[in-house]
Amino acid sequence: MLEGARYGTLTLRAASMRGDSARYRGEPRRDALLAARFGTGDSALVLVAVASGQRAAPGTHRAARELCEWIAEAVGRNRARLTEDVHTANRGALVSGLHRLTDRAYGRLRADATERGLAPADYTASVRCLLLPAHPACRTRVFFGMGDGGLFRLRDGVWQDLEPAETEPEPAPTSASAPASASASAPASASASAPASAPAPVSAPASASASAPSPAPFRFRASVARPGDTLLLCSAGLADPLRGEAALADHLAERWGAAEPPGLSAFLADAQTGVKGYADDRTAVAVWEA
């Protein structure tokens, strides 16, 4: 599956492919990819969702697709508020709202498992999402999700591992009852780029990234992109070899570090780069900043 687009200062490339292991066994791709644009022009909000069904459980490719679709439905319903929160860097509202949205999607998934006569612990998936505002003046990029996978940034030719730690629900601010316009004066870079710690090198192990998708820590990160950055969201099928094999990290840094983003076919070929010992499905979403 391939997807590509250009909005404002960002260029998006996305690919999802079945791994060698699934192909050998004749199994469907457990990874799911959904890209959607809500709204038009500079007010548009782009969502990219990546989900991976639980290994060795039947039908989890459907669970992955359902999670992506339900989260997209919720984002579409709340697009106006989410867009405002992203533009004003309202981190507290984004954390609490996206956490509730994700929890409700998992609740629907558990109910669906019960209707199918399946154990909810087996019929589940990891999910990771990016919210990308189309307005060229807003460089805030929002990540949220649950379960394993990876979030990386290629800056000045070096991969940084941006995997966020578990996000605790934040207390409601005392000004929560103030009108929405009260936060409009906050600069777009305020607090959104303030992670708990500095980015780790790509070779560093991800904290708790192998935990079960549900219940699992909710992970959130909002950062401000710089011109020349490449942000990479991926399933565990690419995150694991990228963290574990320096040769792959170097190859993709060379291929994706160029000023001009690759075309769809070139991006697919890069994402398919084989690494011995890694045969899972792969899904990669890359965002280039002009």
Protein backbone atom coordinates (compact mmCIF):
# COMPACT_ATOMS: atom_id res chain seq x y z
CA MET A 1 0.00 0.00 0.00
CA LEU A 2 1.39 3.39 -1.01
CA GLU A 3 0.38 6.95 -0.17
CA GLY A 4 1.89 10.33 -0.91
CA ALA A 5 0.95 14.00 -0.71
CA ARG A 6 2.33 17.51 -0.30
CA TYR A 7 0.79 20.16 1.96
CA GLY A 8 2.37 23.51 2.77
CA THR A 9 5.92 22.89 3.93
CA LEU A 10 5.59 19.11 4.35
CA THR A 11 5.79 16.18 1.96
CA LEU A 12 4.35 12.83 3.02
CA ARG A 13 5.37 9.36 1.89
CA ALA A 14 3.86 6.17 3.33
CA ALA A 15 4.14 2.48 2.52
CA SER A 16 2.87 -0.72 4.13
CA MET A 17 3.98 -4.16 2.97
CA ARG A 18 3.69 -7.78 3.97
CA GLY A 19 6.81 -9.29 5.49
CA ASP A 20 8.68 -12.34 4.23
CA SER A 21 7.39 -14.42 7.15
CA ALA A 22 3.73 -13.74 6.35
CA ARG A 23 4.33 -14.30 2.64
CA TYR A 24 5.97 -17.66 3.34
CA ARG A 25 3.03 -18.77 5.50
CA GLY A 26 0.38 -17.37 3.16
CA GLU A 27 -0.94 -15.06 5.88
CA PRO A 28 -2.45 -11.59 5.36
CA ARG A 29 -0.57 -8.42 6.21
CA ARG A 30 -1.13 -7.64 9.92
CA ASP A 31 -0.08 -4.02 9.48
CA ALA A 32 -2.68 -1.45 8.50
CA LEU A 33 -2.13 2.05 7.11
CA LEU A 34 -4.65 4.86 6.82
CA ALA A 35 -3.99 8.41 5.61
CA ALA A 36 -6.76 11.00 5.55
CA ARG A 37 -7.12 14.75 5.11
CA PHE A 38 -9.85 16.61 6.96
CA GLY A 39 -10.73 20.07 5.71
CA THR A 40 -9.21 22.01 2.82
CA GLY A 41 -6.54 24.60 2.23
CA ASP A 42 -4.47 25.93 5.09
CA SER A 43 -7.07 24.81 7.65
CA ALA A 44 -6.71 21.13 6.71
CA LEU A 45 -5.51 18.53 9.18
CA VAL A 46 -3.78 15.37 7.96
CA LEU A 47 -3.96 12.15 9.97
CA VAL A 48 -1.77 9.12 9.34
CA ALA A 49 -2.52 6.00 11.41
CA VAL A 50 -0.38 2.85 11.54
CA ALA A 51 -1.58 -0.27 13.36
CA SER A 52 -0.12 -3.77 13.79
CA GLY A 53 -2.24 -6.77 14.72
CA GLN A 54 -1.05 -9.02 17.51
CA ARG A 55 1.28 -11.76 16.34
CA ALA A 56 0.07 -15.39 16.33
CA ALA A 57 -3.59 -14.48 16.85
CA PRO A 58 -6.21 -15.06 14.15
CA GLY A 59 -7.96 -12.10 12.53
CA THR A 60 -5.84 -9.36 14.05
CA HIS A 61 -5.32 -7.80 10.63
CA ARG A 62 -9.00 -6.81 10.91
CA ALA A 63 -8.41 -5.38 14.39
CA ALA A 64 -5.60 -3.21 13.01
CA ARG A 65 -7.81 -1.86 10.22
CA GLU A 66 -10.69 -1.18 12.60
CA LEU A 67 -8.51 0.77 15.02
CA CYS A 68 -7.23 3.01 12.22
CA GLU A 69 -10.76 3.60 10.90
CA TRP A 70 -12.30 4.38 14.30
CA ILE A 71 -9.53 6.81 15.24
CA ALA A 72 -9.91 8.52 11.85
CA GLU A 73 -13.67 8.85 12.41
CA ALA A 74 -13.08 10.47 15.80
CA VAL A 75 -10.42 12.84 14.46
CA GLY A 76 -12.78 13.83 11.64
CA ARG A 77 -15.59 14.61 14.10
CA ASN A 78 -13.26 16.72 16.26
CA ARG A 79 -11.17 18.23 13.48
CA ALA A 80 -11.94 21.89 14.24
CA ARG A 81 -10.99 21.65 17.92
CA LEU A 82 -7.92 19.51 17.24
CA THR A 83 -6.70 21.92 14.57
CA GLU A 84 -7.04 24.85 16.96
CA ASP A 85 -5.21 22.96 19.73
CA VAL A 86 -2.36 22.06 17.38
CA HIS A 87 -2.04 25.62 16.06
CA THR A 88 -1.99 27.09 19.59
CA ALA A 89 0.22 24.31 21.02
CA ASN A 90 -2.39 23.48 23.66
CA ARG A 91 -0.54 20.43 24.92
CA GLY A 92 -2.84 19.70 27.87
CA ALA A 93 -5.94 19.62 25.68
CA LEU A 94 -4.21 17.48 23.07
CA VAL A 95 -2.94 14.92 25.58
CA SER A 96 -6.28 14.49 27.34
CA GLY A 97 -8.39 14.59 24.17
CA LEU A 98 -6.27 12.19 22.15
CA HIS A 99 -5.94 9.84 25.13
CA ARG A 100 -9.74 9.65 25.48
CA LEU A 101 -10.13 9.22 21.73
CA THR A 102 -7.66 6.31 21.70
CA ASP A 103 -9.19 4.66 24.77
CA ARG A 104 -12.63 4.76 23.17
CA ALA A 105 -11.29 3.11 20.02
CA TYR A 106 -9.85 0.29 22.13
CA GLY A 107 -13.15 0.02 23.96
CA ARG A 108 -14.93 -0.50 20.65
CA LEU A 109 -12.33 -3.09 19.72
CA ARG A 110 -12.91 -5.05 22.93
CA ALA A 111 -16.66 -4.97 22.33
CA ASP A 112 -16.12 -6.15 18.76
CA ALA A 113 -13.96 -9.03 20.01
CA THR A 114 -16.74 -10.13 22.38
CA GLU A 115 -19.28 -10.06 19.56
CA ARG A 116 -16.99 -12.25 17.47
CA GLY A 117 -16.58 -14.70 20.35
CA LEU A 118 -12.88 -13.88 20.71
CA ALA A 119 -10.77 -13.03 23.73
CA PRO A 120 -10.19 -9.24 23.79
CA ALA A 121 -6.56 -9.85 24.81
CA ASP A 122 -6.01 -11.73 21.54
CA TYR A 123 -8.05 -9.54 19.19
CA THR A 124 -6.02 -6.36 19.53
CA ALA A 125 -3.33 -4.27 17.86
CA SER A 126 -0.80 -1.53 18.42
CA VAL A 127 -1.67 1.85 16.93
CA ARG A 128 0.45 4.94 16.26
CA CYS A 129 -0.68 8.18 14.67
CA LEU A 130 0.58 11.50 13.38
CA LEU A 131 -1.45 14.72 13.21
CA LEU A 132 -0.02 17.14 10.64
CA PRO A 133 -1.45 20.64 10.14
CA ALA A 134 -1.39 21.78 6.52
CA HIS A 135 -0.87 25.47 7.34
CA PRO A 136 2.71 26.39 6.32
CA ALA A 137 3.13 28.67 9.36
CA CYS A 138 2.44 25.83 11.82
CA ARG A 139 5.36 23.42 12.22
CA THR A 140 3.91 21.46 15.16
CA ARG A 141 3.84 17.70 14.55
CA VAL A 142 1.79 15.59 16.97
CA PHE A 143 2.36 11.89 17.67
CA PHE A 144 0.09 9.69 19.80
CA GLY A 145 -0.68 6.01 20.21
CA MET A 146 -0.31 2.78 22.15
CA GLY A 147 1.87 -0.27 21.67
CA ASP A 148 5.11 -1.03 19.91
CA GLY A 149 6.72 0.64 16.91
CA GLY A 150 9.00 3.61 16.45
CA LEU A 151 9.18 7.37 16.10
CA PHE A 152 12.42 8.78 14.70
CA ARG A 153 13.74 12.06 13.35
CA LEU A 154 16.51 12.46 10.81
CA ARG A 155 18.24 15.78 11.50
CA ASP A 156 21.62 16.85 10.09
CA GLY A 157 22.19 13.32 8.79
CA VAL A 158 21.72 11.63 12.19
CA TRP A 159 18.75 9.54 13.34
CA GLN A 160 17.26 10.48 16.71
CA ASP A 161 14.95 8.09 18.58
CA LEU A 162 11.96 10.19 19.72
CA GLU A 163 10.02 7.35 21.35
CA PRO A 164 8.14 9.09 24.18
CA ALA A 165 7.79 7.64 27.65
CA GLU A 166 4.42 6.77 29.13
CA THR A 167 2.23 9.86 29.28
CA GLU A 168 0.27 10.36 32.47
CA PRO A 169 -3.08 12.17 32.17
CA GLU A 170 -2.49 15.84 32.90
CA PRO A 171 -4.64 17.77 35.40
CA ALA A 172 -7.07 20.21 33.87
CA PRO A 173 -5.60 23.73 33.75
CA THR A 174 -7.24 26.33 35.95
CA SER A 175 -8.17 28.33 32.86
CA ALA A 176 -9.98 25.41 31.24
CA SER A 177 -13.25 27.28 31.32
CA ALA A 178 -11.82 30.25 29.43
CA PRO A 179 -12.99 30.79 25.86
CA ALA A 180 -10.98 29.15 23.11
CA SER A 181 -9.70 32.53 21.96
CA ALA A 182 -7.84 32.94 25.25
CA SER A 183 -5.17 30.51 24.12
CA ALA A 184 -4.81 31.92 20.65
CA SER A 185 -1.99 34.20 21.72
CA ALA A 186 0.27 31.27 22.64
CA PRO A 187 3.12 30.87 20.15
CA ALA A 188 3.03 27.75 17.97
CA SER A 189 6.26 26.51 19.49
CA ALA A 190 5.20 26.88 23.12
CA SER A 191 5.50 23.68 25.22
CA ALA A 192 4.76 21.50 22.21
CA SER A 193 8.45 20.80 21.73
CA ALA A 194 9.25 20.13 25.36
CA PRO A 195 9.74 16.35 25.76
CA ALA A 196 10.61 14.89 29.13
CA SER A 197 14.17 14.19 27.97
CA ALA A 198 16.47 14.83 25.05
CA PRO A 199 16.16 12.59 21.97
CA ALA A 200 18.04 9.33 22.37
CA PRO A 201 20.42 7.98 19.72
CA VAL A 202 18.75 5.58 17.32
CA SER A 203 20.63 2.63 18.79
CA ALA A 204 19.13 3.16 22.24
CA PRO A 205 16.44 0.61 23.25
CA ALA A 206 12.90 1.92 23.30
CA SER A 207 11.45 2.09 26.79
CA ALA A 208 8.51 -0.28 27.27
CA SER A 209 7.86 -0.41 23.54
CA ALA A 210 7.34 -4.16 23.63
CA SER A 211 4.44 -4.00 26.08
CA ALA A 212 1.04 -5.37 25.12
CA PRO A 213 -1.02 -2.93 23.06
CA SER A 214 -4.06 -2.94 25.39
CA PRO A 215 -3.84 -2.01 28.12
CA ALA A 216 -0.61 -0.21 27.30
CA PRO A 217 0.96 3.13 28.08
CA PHE A 218 -0.47 6.02 26.11
CA ARG A 219 2.37 7.78 24.33
CA PHE A 220 2.30 11.37 23.18
CA ARG A 221 4.82 13.78 21.75
CA ALA A 222 4.44 17.17 20.13
CA SER A 223 7.49 18.73 18.54
CA VAL A 224 8.28 21.64 16.29
CA ALA A 225 9.88 20.67 12.98
CA ARG A 226 12.84 22.46 11.43
CA PRO A 227 13.45 22.87 7.71
CA GLY A 228 15.38 19.85 6.50
CA ASP A 229 14.00 17.44 9.11
CA THR A 230 12.59 14.04 8.18
CA LEU A 231 10.15 12.56 10.69
CA LEU A 232 9.63 8.78 10.53
CA LEU A 233 6.73 6.88 12.11
CA CYS A 234 6.89 3.11 11.65
CA SER A 235 5.64 -0.24 12.85
CA ALA A 236 7.90 -2.58 14.81
CA GLY A 237 8.78 -4.38 11.57
CA LEU A 238 10.95 -1.41 10.59
CA ALA A 239 11.63 0.13 14.01
CA ASP A 240 13.37 -3.00 15.33
CA PRO A 241 15.95 -3.34 12.52
CA LEU A 242 16.43 0.43 12.42
CA ARG A 243 17.39 0.35 16.10
CA GLY A 244 19.37 -2.87 15.86
CA GLU A 245 21.24 -2.64 12.55
CA ALA A 246 23.50 0.36 11.99
CA ALA A 247 23.89 -0.49 8.31
CA LEU A 248 20.15 -0.04 7.70
CA ALA A 249 20.08 3.23 9.67
CA ASP A 250 23.00 4.57 7.64
CA HIS A 251 21.45 3.47 4.35
CA LEU A 252 18.11 5.13 5.05
CA ALA A 253 19.82 8.26 6.39
CA GLU A 254 21.66 8.58 3.09
CA ARG A 255 18.56 7.86 1.01
CA TRP A 256 16.12 10.02 2.98
CA GLY A 257 18.47 12.79 4.03
CA ALA A 258 18.41 14.48 0.61
CA ALA A 259 16.69 17.83 0.26
CA GLU A 260 14.24 16.44 -2.30
CA PRO A 261 11.89 13.69 -1.03
CA PRO A 262 11.86 10.44 -3.04
CA GLY A 263 9.03 9.47 -5.33
CA LEU A 264 6.60 6.75 -4.32
CA SER A 265 8.38 3.89 -6.07
CA ALA A 266 11.78 4.95 -4.68
CA PHE A 267 10.33 5.27 -1.18
CA LEU A 268 8.80 1.79 -1.42
CA ALA A 269 12.13 0.32 -2.55
CA ASP A 270 13.93 1.98 0.37
CA ALA A 271 11.36 0.78 2.90
CA GLN A 272 11.73 -2.77 1.57
CA THR A 273 15.49 -2.88 2.17
CA GLY A 274 16.12 -6.36 3.52
CA VAL A 275 17.89 -7.09 6.80
CA LYS A 276 18.77 -10.65 7.76
CA GLY A 277 16.79 -11.88 10.73
CA TYR A 278 13.89 -9.42 10.33
CA ALA A 279 10.91 -10.71 8.39
CA ASP A 280 7.83 -8.99 9.88
CA ASP A 281 5.42 -6.68 8.07
CA ARG A 282 6.75 -3.17 7.58
CA THR A 283 4.91 0.12 7.58
CA ALA A 284 6.76 3.42 7.23
CA VAL A 285 5.44 6.99 7.21
CA ALA A 286 7.99 9.72 6.48
CA VAL A 287 7.43 13.48 6.53
CA TRP A 288 9.94 15.81 4.86
CA GLU A 289 10.08 19.45 5.95
CA ALA A 290 10.81 21.97 3.20
